[in-house]
Amino acid sequence: MKASRIAAAAAAAGTAVLALSAPAFAHVSVQPEGAAAKGGFAVVDFKVPNERDNASTTRLEVNIPADHPIASVMPQPLPGWKVEVTKSKLDKPLTMHGEKIDEAVTKVTWTADGKGIEPGYFQKFPLSLGTLPENTDELVFKAVQTYSNKEVVRWIEVPKEGQEEPENPAPVLQLSAATDDHHAAATAGKTENTAGKTEKTAAAETSGSDSDTTARVLGVVGIVIGVAGVAYGVLAGRRRTTA
């Protein structure tokens, strides 16, 4: 009897913990598909859960960090959603592939042309970003979520290290260390070329060695044939003299 009561109490406590902790995770967040390395390109997903039981999410607005502008921001087509990309002039032009860029995307807005994100569901909104800044470890994307009942939730509070998570935290993208893929590829290419040249040299040397051996054998055979011919001539001359 006591055991069953303890089990029931534990189950109730567990349910209460889940109920209290669930809202902390039910917010707009951003995660990369793979790595988001400094100085590189990445595809990131903004995950938007529906936190309401009586309304759907019909609009999402994501603001690109103004302190770290990104030259290339491209949304992926998403069925059931219309996307709008807003660009603005930059105070300091960016350089990308050797060209100066004086404007960049500052906001991306998705608007549902159907039911949107219904209660009990979530939706991912992908963006291709690049090149990612090299002078910061994270990017903060302030987001605004709008429901079908006109309610607006602003996910704009910047989380601070060592403090509790704010009630409406902004999505934060953590950047990994810069990679040296191009250098590695170039080194690999040089290694392959060197290996190829070595193989060709070895093949040429082997071919030359084979040619030398063949020439020597033919020379010896020629000498033998020549000696045999001389001997045959001498023998034939003696026979004629005797006759």
Protein backbone atom coordinates (compact mmCIF):
# COMPACT_ATOMS: atom_id res chain seq x y z
CA MET A 1 0.00 0.00 0.00
CA LYS A 2 2.82 2.31 0.94
CA ALA A 3 4.71 1.39 -2.21
CA SER A 4 1.76 2.28 -4.43
CA ARG A 5 1.34 5.62 -2.65
CA ILE A 6 5.04 6.42 -3.08
CA ALA A 7 4.86 5.51 -6.79
CA ALA A 8 1.80 7.70 -7.26
CA ALA A 9 3.47 10.61 -5.46
CA ALA A 10 6.62 10.22 -7.58
CA ALA A 11 4.57 10.17 -10.79
CA ALA A 12 2.70 13.30 -9.74
CA ALA A 13 5.96 15.04 -8.86
CA GLY A 14 7.45 14.04 -12.22
CA THR A 15 4.43 15.41 -14.05
CA ALA A 16 4.68 18.66 -12.13
CA VAL A 17 8.37 19.00 -13.02
CA LEU A 18 7.64 18.42 -16.71
CA ALA A 19 4.81 20.94 -16.58
CA LEU A 20 7.07 23.54 -15.00
CA SER A 21 10.05 22.89 -17.26
CA ALA A 22 8.17 22.65 -20.58
CA PRO A 23 7.69 26.42 -21.08
CA ALA A 24 11.46 26.96 -20.76
CA PHE A 25 12.01 24.96 -23.94
CA ALA A 26 8.92 26.12 -25.84
CA HIS A 27 10.39 29.20 -27.50
CA VAL A 28 11.76 30.23 -30.88
CA SER A 29 15.29 28.84 -31.27
CA VAL A 30 17.93 28.52 -34.00
CA GLN A 31 20.18 25.57 -34.80
CA PRO A 32 22.61 24.97 -37.69
CA GLU A 33 22.30 22.05 -40.08
CA GLY A 34 25.80 20.74 -39.48
CA ALA A 35 28.45 23.30 -38.54
CA ALA A 36 28.24 27.09 -38.37
CA ALA A 37 31.92 27.97 -38.61
CA LYS A 38 33.30 31.49 -38.46
CA GLY A 39 34.09 32.84 -41.91
CA GLY A 40 32.03 30.15 -43.65
CA PHE A 41 28.50 29.51 -44.89
CA ALA A 42 25.78 27.64 -43.01
CA VAL A 43 22.14 26.64 -43.26
CA VAL A 44 20.29 27.33 -40.03
CA ASP A 45 16.77 26.40 -38.95
CA PHE A 46 14.55 28.65 -36.85
CA LYS A 47 12.35 26.28 -34.86
CA VAL A 48 8.99 27.80 -33.97
CA PRO A 49 6.62 25.89 -31.64
CA ASN A 50 2.99 26.85 -31.18
CA GLU A 51 2.45 27.61 -27.49
CA ARG A 52 -1.27 28.33 -27.68
CA ASP A 53 -4.21 25.93 -27.54
CA ASN A 54 -6.71 28.21 -29.26
CA ALA A 55 -4.67 29.96 -31.99
CA SER A 56 -2.20 29.23 -34.80
CA THR A 57 1.10 30.93 -35.52
CA THR A 58 0.59 32.86 -38.75
CA ARG A 59 3.68 35.10 -38.92
CA LEU A 60 7.35 34.99 -38.00
CA GLU A 61 9.78 37.89 -38.25
CA VAL A 62 13.51 37.27 -37.82
CA ASN A 63 15.91 40.20 -37.53
CA ILE A 64 19.48 39.78 -38.76
CA PRO A 65 22.04 41.20 -36.28
CA ALA A 66 22.86 44.81 -37.21
CA ASP A 67 26.21 44.68 -35.40
CA HIS A 68 27.30 41.71 -37.52
CA PRO A 69 25.70 42.13 -40.97
CA ILE A 70 25.72 39.11 -43.28
CA ALA A 71 26.23 39.65 -47.01
CA SER A 72 24.23 36.63 -48.20
CA VAL A 73 20.91 35.66 -46.60
CA MET A 74 18.68 33.32 -48.62
CA PRO A 75 15.43 31.68 -47.41
CA GLN A 76 14.36 28.26 -48.61
CA PRO A 77 10.92 28.05 -50.24
CA LEU A 78 8.43 26.75 -47.69
CA PRO A 79 5.03 25.38 -48.72
CA GLY A 80 2.17 27.26 -47.08
CA TRP A 81 4.26 30.34 -46.35
CA LYS A 82 5.05 33.57 -48.18
CA VAL A 83 8.48 35.01 -47.47
CA GLU A 84 9.62 38.62 -47.64
CA VAL A 85 13.27 39.69 -47.49
CA THR A 86 14.04 43.24 -46.31
CA LYS A 87 17.35 44.91 -47.19
CA SER A 88 18.90 48.07 -45.78
CA LYS A 89 21.90 50.26 -46.51
CA LEU A 90 25.01 49.49 -44.49
CA ASP A 91 27.02 52.10 -42.62
CA LYS A 92 30.17 50.14 -43.48
CA PRO A 93 30.19 48.23 -46.80
CA LEU A 94 31.05 44.53 -46.71
CA THR A 95 33.48 42.75 -49.03
CA MET A 96 32.47 39.39 -50.47
CA HIS A 97 34.33 37.52 -53.25
CA GLY A 98 36.31 40.68 -53.92
CA GLU A 99 33.21 42.88 -54.36
CA LYS A 100 31.99 45.61 -52.05
CA ILE A 101 28.39 45.28 -50.85
CA ASP A 102 26.70 48.41 -49.50
CA GLU A 103 23.40 46.79 -48.48
CA ALA A 104 22.44 43.59 -46.73
CA VAL A 105 19.39 41.68 -45.51
CA THR A 106 18.22 43.01 -42.15
CA LYS A 107 14.95 41.12 -41.76
CA VAL A 108 13.17 38.03 -43.08
CA THR A 109 9.41 37.67 -42.60
CA TRP A 110 7.31 34.55 -43.19
CA THR A 111 3.51 34.92 -43.45
CA ALA A 112 1.19 31.93 -43.62
CA ASP A 113 -1.09 31.73 -46.63
CA GLY A 114 -2.94 28.82 -45.05
CA LYS A 115 -3.50 27.55 -41.52
CA GLY A 116 0.03 28.29 -40.30
CA ILE A 117 1.38 26.40 -37.31
CA GLU A 118 -1.60 24.85 -35.56
CA PRO A 119 -1.77 24.03 -31.82
CA GLY A 120 0.40 21.04 -30.93
CA TYR A 121 2.81 21.50 -33.85
CA PHE A 122 6.07 23.28 -34.69
CA GLN A 123 7.65 24.49 -37.91
CA LYS A 124 11.24 24.97 -39.10
CA PHE A 125 12.18 28.03 -41.16
CA PRO A 126 15.54 27.50 -42.97
CA LEU A 127 17.96 30.27 -43.94
CA SER A 128 21.28 30.09 -45.77
CA LEU A 129 23.77 32.52 -44.20
CA GLY A 130 27.27 33.63 -45.20
CA THR A 131 29.82 34.55 -44.74
CA LEU A 132 29.55 34.27 -40.99
CA PRO A 133 31.53 36.85 -38.95
CA GLU A 134 34.92 35.90 -37.53
CA ASN A 135 35.00 38.43 -34.68
CA THR A 136 32.25 36.95 -32.50
CA ASP A 137 31.32 33.60 -30.94
CA GLU A 138 27.57 33.97 -31.37
CA LEU A 139 24.85 35.73 -33.32
CA VAL A 140 21.62 36.93 -31.70
CA PHE A 141 18.52 36.92 -33.92
CA LYS A 142 15.61 38.79 -32.37
CA ALA A 143 12.30 37.25 -33.49
CA VAL A 144 8.64 38.22 -33.37
CA GLN A 145 5.90 35.55 -33.41
CA THR A 146 2.32 36.47 -34.30
CA TYR A 147 -0.76 34.33 -33.69
CA SER A 148 -4.06 34.14 -35.55
CA ASN A 149 -5.81 35.86 -32.61
CA LYS A 150 -3.50 38.92 -33.13
CA GLU A 151 -1.37 38.08 -30.09
CA VAL A 152 2.29 39.03 -30.57
CA VAL A 153 5.20 37.44 -28.68
CA ARG A 154 8.57 39.17 -28.94
CA TRP A 155 11.54 36.84 -28.52
CA ILE A 156 14.06 39.67 -28.10
CA GLU A 157 15.63 39.30 -24.66
CA VAL A 158 19.35 38.54 -24.92
CA PRO A 159 20.42 35.67 -22.62
CA LYS A 160 23.37 36.56 -20.36
CA GLU A 161 25.95 34.10 -19.14
CA GLY A 162 25.62 33.24 -15.47
CA GLN A 163 22.02 34.45 -15.28
CA GLU A 164 18.71 32.65 -15.55
CA GLU A 165 17.16 32.39 -18.99
CA PRO A 166 14.83 35.35 -19.62
CA GLU A 167 11.12 34.81 -20.15
CA ASN A 168 11.28 35.58 -23.88
CA PRO A 169 14.86 34.74 -24.96
CA ALA A 170 16.08 35.69 -28.42
CA PRO A 171 17.38 32.84 -30.63
CA VAL A 172 21.17 32.60 -30.33
CA LEU A 173 23.39 30.87 -32.91
CA GLN A 174 26.69 29.59 -31.52
CA LEU A 175 29.58 29.81 -34.00
CA SER A 176 32.32 27.19 -34.13
CA ALA A 177 35.99 27.85 -34.82
CA ALA A 178 36.99 28.77 -38.35
CA THR A 179 38.06 25.84 -40.52
CA ASP A 180 40.88 25.68 -43.07
CA ASP A 181 39.18 23.49 -45.66
CA HIS A 182 40.55 25.38 -48.65
CA HIS A 183 44.13 25.07 -47.35
CA ALA A 184 43.59 21.40 -46.60
CA ALA A 185 42.17 20.84 -50.08
CA ALA A 186 45.09 22.67 -51.66
CA THR A 187 47.58 20.64 -49.60
CA ALA A 188 45.79 17.43 -50.56
CA GLY A 189 45.93 18.49 -54.21
CA LYS A 190 49.65 19.18 -53.98
CA THR A 191 50.19 15.83 -52.31
CA GLU A 192 48.26 14.06 -55.05
CA ASN A 193 50.22 15.91 -57.75
CA THR A 194 53.52 15.01 -56.06
CA ALA A 195 52.43 11.39 -55.76
CA GLY A 196 51.39 11.40 -59.41
CA LYS A 197 54.73 12.83 -60.49
CA THR A 198 56.57 10.27 -58.37
CA GLU A 199 54.60 7.44 -59.93
CA LYS A 200 55.26 8.80 -63.42
CA THR A 201 58.98 9.15 -62.66
CA ALA A 202 59.14 5.62 -61.29
CA ALA A 203 57.29 4.32 -64.34
CA ALA A 204 59.66 6.18 -66.65
CA GLU A 205 62.70 4.83 -64.79
CA THR A 206 61.28 1.31 -64.92
CA SER A 207 60.55 1.70 -68.61
CA GLY A 208 64.09 3.01 -69.21
CA SER A 209 65.58 0.12 -67.26
CA ASP A 210 63.55 -2.37 -69.25
CA SER A 211 64.71 -0.74 -72.49
CA ASP A 212 68.38 -0.95 -71.38
CA THR A 213 68.01 -4.63 -70.48
CA THR A 214 66.36 -5.40 -73.80
CA ALA A 215 69.13 -3.59 -75.70
CA ARG A 216 71.82 -5.52 -73.83
CA VAL A 217 70.15 -8.87 -74.54
CA LEU A 218 69.82 -8.03 -78.22
CA GLY A 219 73.48 -6.98 -78.29
CA VAL A 220 74.61 -10.28 -76.83
CA VAL A 221 72.39 -12.23 -79.23
CA GLY A 222 73.87 -10.24 -82.12
CA ILE A 223 77.40 -11.03 -81.04
CA VAL A 224 76.60 -14.74 -80.73
CA ILE A 225 75.02 -14.77 -84.17
CA GLY A 226 78.02 -12.91 -85.59
CA VAL A 227 80.50 -15.38 -84.09
CA ALA A 228 78.43 -18.29 -85.37
CA GLY A 229 78.43 -16.77 -88.83
CA VAL A 230 82.21 -16.36 -88.87
CA ALA A 231 82.73 -19.92 -87.68
CA TYR A 232 80.38 -21.23 -90.33
CA GLY A 233 82.26 -19.26 -93.01
CA VAL A 234 85.64 -20.65 -91.93
CA LEU A 235 84.31 -24.21 -91.87
CA ALA A 236 82.76 -23.85 -95.29
CA GLY A 237 86.05 -22.52 -96.68
CA ARG A 238 87.97 -25.53 -95.37
CA ARG A 239 85.51 -27.94 -96.95
CA ARG A 240 85.91 -26.26 -100.34
CA THR A 241 89.73 -26.39 -100.04
CA THR A 242 89.68 -30.08 -99.17
CA ALA A 243 87.39 -30.84 -102.07
